Each structure stands twice: as structure tokens, then as C-alpha cells.
Amino acid sequence: MIFTIKIYRIIEHAVIIFAAIFSLIMMLFASQWDLDISYLWTILPYGTFFLISYIFNNRKLSNIVPIATCVTSILIFLFSLIVYIDGILIHTSSTSALLFLFVPIYILFGGPLTLGIIFWLLKLFNRLRKRENITDINN
């Protein structure tokens, strides 16, 4: 099933918003529902990735940019989900609160890096597929 660019963008936005809400809920759960300004740090990487994907998608660099941003947003959500559930609910310790310091840092730097790697891989596969189609036509 082939999705349109609009579908990829909708999935990406939904996943990033859900990941931010999930991270916020996990932080509230860990702090026993005490709200303060540090929650902005938890949401910052998701907003930053949303802004990066918005800029790249509006520049219309390639048709694979929406696919790359969609896949990256899903990977960011899965990373957050696994790390927060493991650190807060399964393997709790006195240092579990450090997750809310380091996971946003990992997402802030690793998200754009992952986007670049996925974009490069998709571009490479697209080139290989086109080259394979050309050789099939010549045979």
C-alpha cells in the first residue's frame, strides 16, 4: 500500500504529538503529578523535531523527505516509549529521574542525525531501484 505525502505528514504529526504527551505523562507520573517548569525540557525535543521536519518538508527537497520524517518520528516515539517504560515502570531506581534529563538530550541530537541517516538510506535505495529498473528495460 502506497501512502500519499499528506498521509505521511499526518502520521508524523500524530506520532510526534503523541510522543510529547506520553513523555509529559510519564514525567508527571514519576513526579507524583507535581507540575513545574522542567516539563518544558521534556517537550522541547519533540517541538524541535517538529520544526525541523516542517522546514525540510516545506523546502520540497525530494519526495522521500516525508517518508524519512515519518519513519524518524516513529523511531523517536519507540525510543521514548521503551526507555521511559523500562526506567519508570519496570526497573525503577533512585536514578530513574535522570531519564528526564538525558532522553531529551538524546532525542534533541539523535533525532536530526537519525533523520539524516534515514534520508540518505532512502535516497540510496531509490537510486539503486531506478538503476535496476533501467537495466531491466535494457535487457
C-alpha atoms as a PDB file:
ATOM      1  CA  MET A   1       0.000   0.000   0.000  1.00  0.00           C
ATOM      2  CA  ILE A   2       1.454   3.329  -1.059  1.00  0.00           C
ATOM      3  CA  PHE A   3       0.678   6.365   1.066  1.00  0.00           C
ATOM      4  CA  THR A   4       0.481   9.897  -0.202  1.00  0.00           C
ATOM      5  CA  ILE A   5       2.711  12.652   1.154  1.00  0.00           C
ATOM      6  CA  LYS A   6      -0.235  14.020   3.120  1.00  0.00           C
ATOM      7  CA  ILE A   7      -0.760  10.687   4.882  1.00  0.00           C
ATOM      8  CA  TYR A   8       2.928  10.508   5.842  1.00  0.00           C
ATOM      9  CA  ARG A   9       2.734  14.030   7.270  1.00  0.00           C
ATOM     10  CA  ILE A  10      -0.435  13.231   9.258  1.00  0.00           C
ATOM     11  CA  ILE A  11       1.172  10.102  10.707  1.00  0.00           C
ATOM     12  CA  GLU A  12       4.327  12.041  11.553  1.00  0.00           C
ATOM     13  CA  HIS A  13       2.437  14.840  13.313  1.00  0.00           C
ATOM     14  CA  ALA A  14       0.238  12.420  15.244  1.00  0.00           C
ATOM     15  CA  VAL A  15       3.206  10.341  16.394  1.00  0.00           C
ATOM     16  CA  ILE A  16       5.283  13.346  17.484  1.00  0.00           C
ATOM     17  CA  ILE A  17       2.368  14.900  19.377  1.00  0.00           C
ATOM     18  CA  PHE A  18       1.569  11.555  21.000  1.00  0.00           C
ATOM     19  CA  ALA A  19       5.255  11.073  21.957  1.00  0.00           C
ATOM     20  CA  ALA A  20       5.356  14.513  23.591  1.00  0.00           C
ATOM     21  CA  ILE A  21       2.145  13.842  25.507  1.00  0.00           C
ATOM     22  CA  PHE A  22       3.409  10.395  26.537  1.00  0.00           C
ATOM     23  CA  SER A  23       6.694  11.846  27.816  1.00  0.00           C
ATOM     24  CA  LEU A  24       4.843  14.538  29.716  1.00  0.00           C
ATOM     25  CA  ILE A  25       2.519  11.980  31.320  1.00  0.00           C
ATOM     26  CA  MET A  26       5.464   9.767  32.283  1.00  0.00           C
ATOM     27  CA  MET A  27       7.211  12.735  33.877  1.00  0.00           C
ATOM     28  CA  LEU A  28       4.052  13.688  35.744  1.00  0.00           C
ATOM     29  CA  PHE A  29       3.660  10.098  36.908  1.00  0.00           C
ATOM     30  CA  ALA A  30       7.268   9.936  38.101  1.00  0.00           C
ATOM     31  CA  SER A  31       6.981  13.242  39.968  1.00  0.00           C
ATOM     32  CA  GLN A  32       3.643  12.229  41.502  1.00  0.00           C
ATOM     33  CA  TRP A  33       1.698  14.778  39.461  1.00  0.00           C
ATOM     34  CA  ASP A  34       3.701  17.812  40.560  1.00  0.00           C
ATOM     35  CA  LEU A  35       3.852  20.351  37.708  1.00  0.00           C
ATOM     36  CA  ASP A  36       6.729  22.817  37.294  1.00  0.00           C
ATOM     37  CA  ILE A  37       8.785  24.486  34.559  1.00  0.00           C
ATOM     38  CA  SER A  38      11.053  21.470  33.939  1.00  0.00           C
ATOM     39  CA  TYR A  39       8.308  19.896  31.842  1.00  0.00           C
ATOM     40  CA  LEU A  40       9.255  22.241  29.027  1.00  0.00           C
ATOM     41  CA  TRP A  41      12.603  20.432  28.813  1.00  0.00           C
ATOM     42  CA  THR A  42      10.777  17.147  28.299  1.00  0.00           C
ATOM     43  CA  ILE A  43       8.687  18.533  25.426  1.00  0.00           C
ATOM     44  CA  LEU A  44      11.447  20.629  23.791  1.00  0.00           C
ATOM     45  CA  PRO A  45      12.999  17.849  21.631  1.00  0.00           C
ATOM     46  CA  TYR A  46       9.647  16.913  20.129  1.00  0.00           C
ATOM     47  CA  GLY A  47       8.892  20.522  19.271  1.00  0.00           C
ATOM     48  CA  THR A  48      12.369  20.921  17.798  1.00  0.00           C
ATOM     49  CA  PHE A  49      11.977  17.815  15.637  1.00  0.00           C
ATOM     50  CA  PHE A  50       8.520  19.012  14.572  1.00  0.00           C
ATOM     51  CA  LEU A  51      10.078  22.321  13.474  1.00  0.00           C
ATOM     52  CA  ILE A  52      12.950  20.593  11.641  1.00  0.00           C
ATOM     53  CA  SER A  53      10.568  18.283   9.784  1.00  0.00           C
ATOM     54  CA  TYR A  54       8.301  21.221   8.937  1.00  0.00           C
ATOM     55  CA  ILE A  55      11.227  23.138   7.419  1.00  0.00           C
ATOM     56  CA  PHE A  56      12.520  20.158   5.426  1.00  0.00           C
ATOM     57  CA  ASN A  57       9.072  19.192   4.163  1.00  0.00           C
ATOM     58  CA  ASN A  58       8.268  22.731   3.023  1.00  0.00           C
ATOM     59  CA  ARG A  59      11.511  23.065   1.065  1.00  0.00           C
ATOM     60  CA  LYS A  60      10.376  20.178  -1.146  1.00  0.00           C
ATOM     61  CA  LEU A  61      13.878  18.746  -1.418  1.00  0.00           C
ATOM     62  CA  SER A  62      12.628  15.359  -2.510  1.00  0.00           C
ATOM     63  CA  ASN A  63       9.590  13.099  -2.403  1.00  0.00           C
ATOM     64  CA  ILE A  64      11.316  10.937   0.178  1.00  0.00           C
ATOM     65  CA  VAL A  65      11.561  13.672   2.835  1.00  0.00           C
ATOM     66  CA  PRO A  66       8.032  12.987   4.201  1.00  0.00           C
ATOM     67  CA  ILE A  67       8.829   9.278   4.378  1.00  0.00           C
ATOM     68  CA  ALA A  68      12.106   9.955   6.209  1.00  0.00           C
ATOM     69  CA  THR A  69      10.499  12.340   8.704  1.00  0.00           C
ATOM     70  CA  CYS A  70       7.629   9.900   9.300  1.00  0.00           C
ATOM     71  CA  VAL A  71       9.976   6.971   9.952  1.00  0.00           C
ATOM     72  CA  THR A  72      12.180   9.114  12.194  1.00  0.00           C
ATOM     73  CA  SER A  73       9.216  10.311  14.250  1.00  0.00           C
ATOM     74  CA  ILE A  74       8.119   6.697  14.746  1.00  0.00           C
ATOM     75  CA  LEU A  75      11.644   5.732  15.854  1.00  0.00           C
ATOM     76  CA  ILE A  76      11.771   8.691  18.263  1.00  0.00           C
ATOM     77  CA  PHE A  77       8.455   7.634  19.769  1.00  0.00           C
ATOM     78  CA  LEU A  78       9.534   3.996  20.103  1.00  0.00           C
ATOM     79  CA  PHE A  79      12.801   5.050  21.755  1.00  0.00           C
ATOM     80  CA  SER A  80      10.930   7.247  24.249  1.00  0.00           C
ATOM     81  CA  LEU A  81       8.345   4.565  24.907  1.00  0.00           C
ATOM     82  CA  ILE A  82      10.865   1.820  25.600  1.00  0.00           C
ATOM     83  CA  VAL A  83      13.224   3.910  27.716  1.00  0.00           C
ATOM     84  CA  TYR A  84      10.561   5.614  29.841  1.00  0.00           C
ATOM     85  CA  ILE A  85       8.525   2.470  30.468  1.00  0.00           C
ATOM     86  CA  ASP A  86      11.643   0.490  31.315  1.00  0.00           C
ATOM     87  CA  GLY A  87      13.136   3.166  33.558  1.00  0.00           C
ATOM     88  CA  ILE A  88       9.971   4.325  35.304  1.00  0.00           C
ATOM     89  CA  LEU A  89       7.730   1.271  35.494  1.00  0.00           C
ATOM     90  CA  ILE A  90       9.905  -1.835  35.184  1.00  0.00           C
ATOM     91  CA  HIS A  91      13.410  -1.144  36.533  1.00  0.00           C
ATOM     92  CA  THR A  92      12.821   1.683  38.958  1.00  0.00           C
ATOM     93  CA  SER A  93      15.721   3.094  40.918  1.00  0.00           C
ATOM     94  CA  SER A  94      16.778   6.279  42.607  1.00  0.00           C
ATOM     95  CA  THR A  95      18.427   7.437  39.380  1.00  0.00           C
ATOM     96  CA  SER A  96      15.343   6.961  37.187  1.00  0.00           C
ATOM     97  CA  ALA A  97      14.723  10.698  37.288  1.00  0.00           C
ATOM     98  CA  LEU A  98      17.885  11.163  35.231  1.00  0.00           C
ATOM     99  CA  LEU A  99      15.950   9.756  32.284  1.00  0.00           C
ATOM    100  CA  PHE A 100      14.140  13.063  32.042  1.00  0.00           C
ATOM    101  CA  LEU A 101      17.473  14.809  31.705  1.00  0.00           C
ATOM    102  CA  PHE A 102      19.218  12.513  29.229  1.00  0.00           C
ATOM    103  CA  VAL A 103      16.407  11.208  26.979  1.00  0.00           C
ATOM    104  CA  PRO A 104      15.565  14.739  25.750  1.00  0.00           C
ATOM    105  CA  ILE A 105      19.275  15.300  25.034  1.00  0.00           C
ATOM    106  CA  TYR A 106      19.439  12.041  23.062  1.00  0.00           C
ATOM    107  CA  ILE A 107      16.333  12.967  21.090  1.00  0.00           C
ATOM    108  CA  LEU A 108      17.482  16.558  20.547  1.00  0.00           C
ATOM    109  CA  PHE A 109      20.761  15.456  18.949  1.00  0.00           C
ATOM    110  CA  GLY A 110      19.894  11.956  17.780  1.00  0.00           C
ATOM    111  CA  GLY A 111      16.606  12.859  16.078  1.00  0.00           C
ATOM    112  CA  PRO A 112      18.105  15.075  13.352  1.00  0.00           C
ATOM    113  CA  LEU A 113      21.049  12.682  12.979  1.00  0.00           C
ATOM    114  CA  THR A 114      18.647   9.758  12.512  1.00  0.00           C
ATOM    115  CA  LEU A 115      16.629  11.822  10.041  1.00  0.00           C
ATOM    116  CA  GLY A 116      19.772  12.462   8.006  1.00  0.00           C
ATOM    117  CA  ILE A 117      20.757   8.790   8.012  1.00  0.00           C
ATOM    118  CA  ILE A 118      17.267   7.613   7.031  1.00  0.00           C
ATOM    119  CA  PHE A 119      17.050  10.270   4.308  1.00  0.00           C
ATOM    120  CA  TRP A 120      20.428   9.180   2.939  1.00  0.00           C
ATOM    121  CA  LEU A 121      19.441   5.476   3.024  1.00  0.00           C
ATOM    122  CA  LEU A 122      16.120   6.131   1.294  1.00  0.00           C
ATOM    123  CA  LYS A 123      17.871   8.200  -1.354  1.00  0.00           C
ATOM    124  CA  LEU A 124      20.410   5.416  -1.878  1.00  0.00           C
ATOM    125  CA  PHE A 125      17.690   2.746  -2.176  1.00  0.00           C
ATOM    126  CA  ASN A 126      15.747   4.982  -4.551  1.00  0.00           C
ATOM    127  CA  ARG A 127      18.833   5.370  -6.776  1.00  0.00           C
ATOM    128  CA  LEU A 128      19.500   1.631  -6.728  1.00  0.00           C
ATOM    129  CA  ARG A 129      15.897   0.894  -7.604  1.00  0.00           C
ATOM    130  CA  LYS A 130      15.986   3.348 -10.527  1.00  0.00           C
ATOM    131  CA  ARG A 131      19.257   1.864 -11.756  1.00  0.00           C
ATOM    132  CA  GLU A 132      17.760  -1.631 -11.515  1.00  0.00           C
ATOM    133  CA  ASN A 133      14.694  -0.520 -13.496  1.00  0.00           C
ATOM    134  CA  ILE A 134      16.938   0.941 -16.213  1.00  0.00           C
ATOM    135  CA  THR A 135      18.912  -2.297 -16.537  1.00  0.00           C
ATOM    136  CA  ASP A 136      15.648  -4.285 -16.682  1.00  0.00           C
ATOM    137  CA  ILE A 137      14.413  -2.130 -19.539  1.00  0.00           C
ATOM    138  CA  ASN A 138      17.694  -2.522 -21.465  1.00  0.00           C
ATOM    139  CA  ASN A 139      17.566  -6.327 -21.177  1.00  0.00           C
END
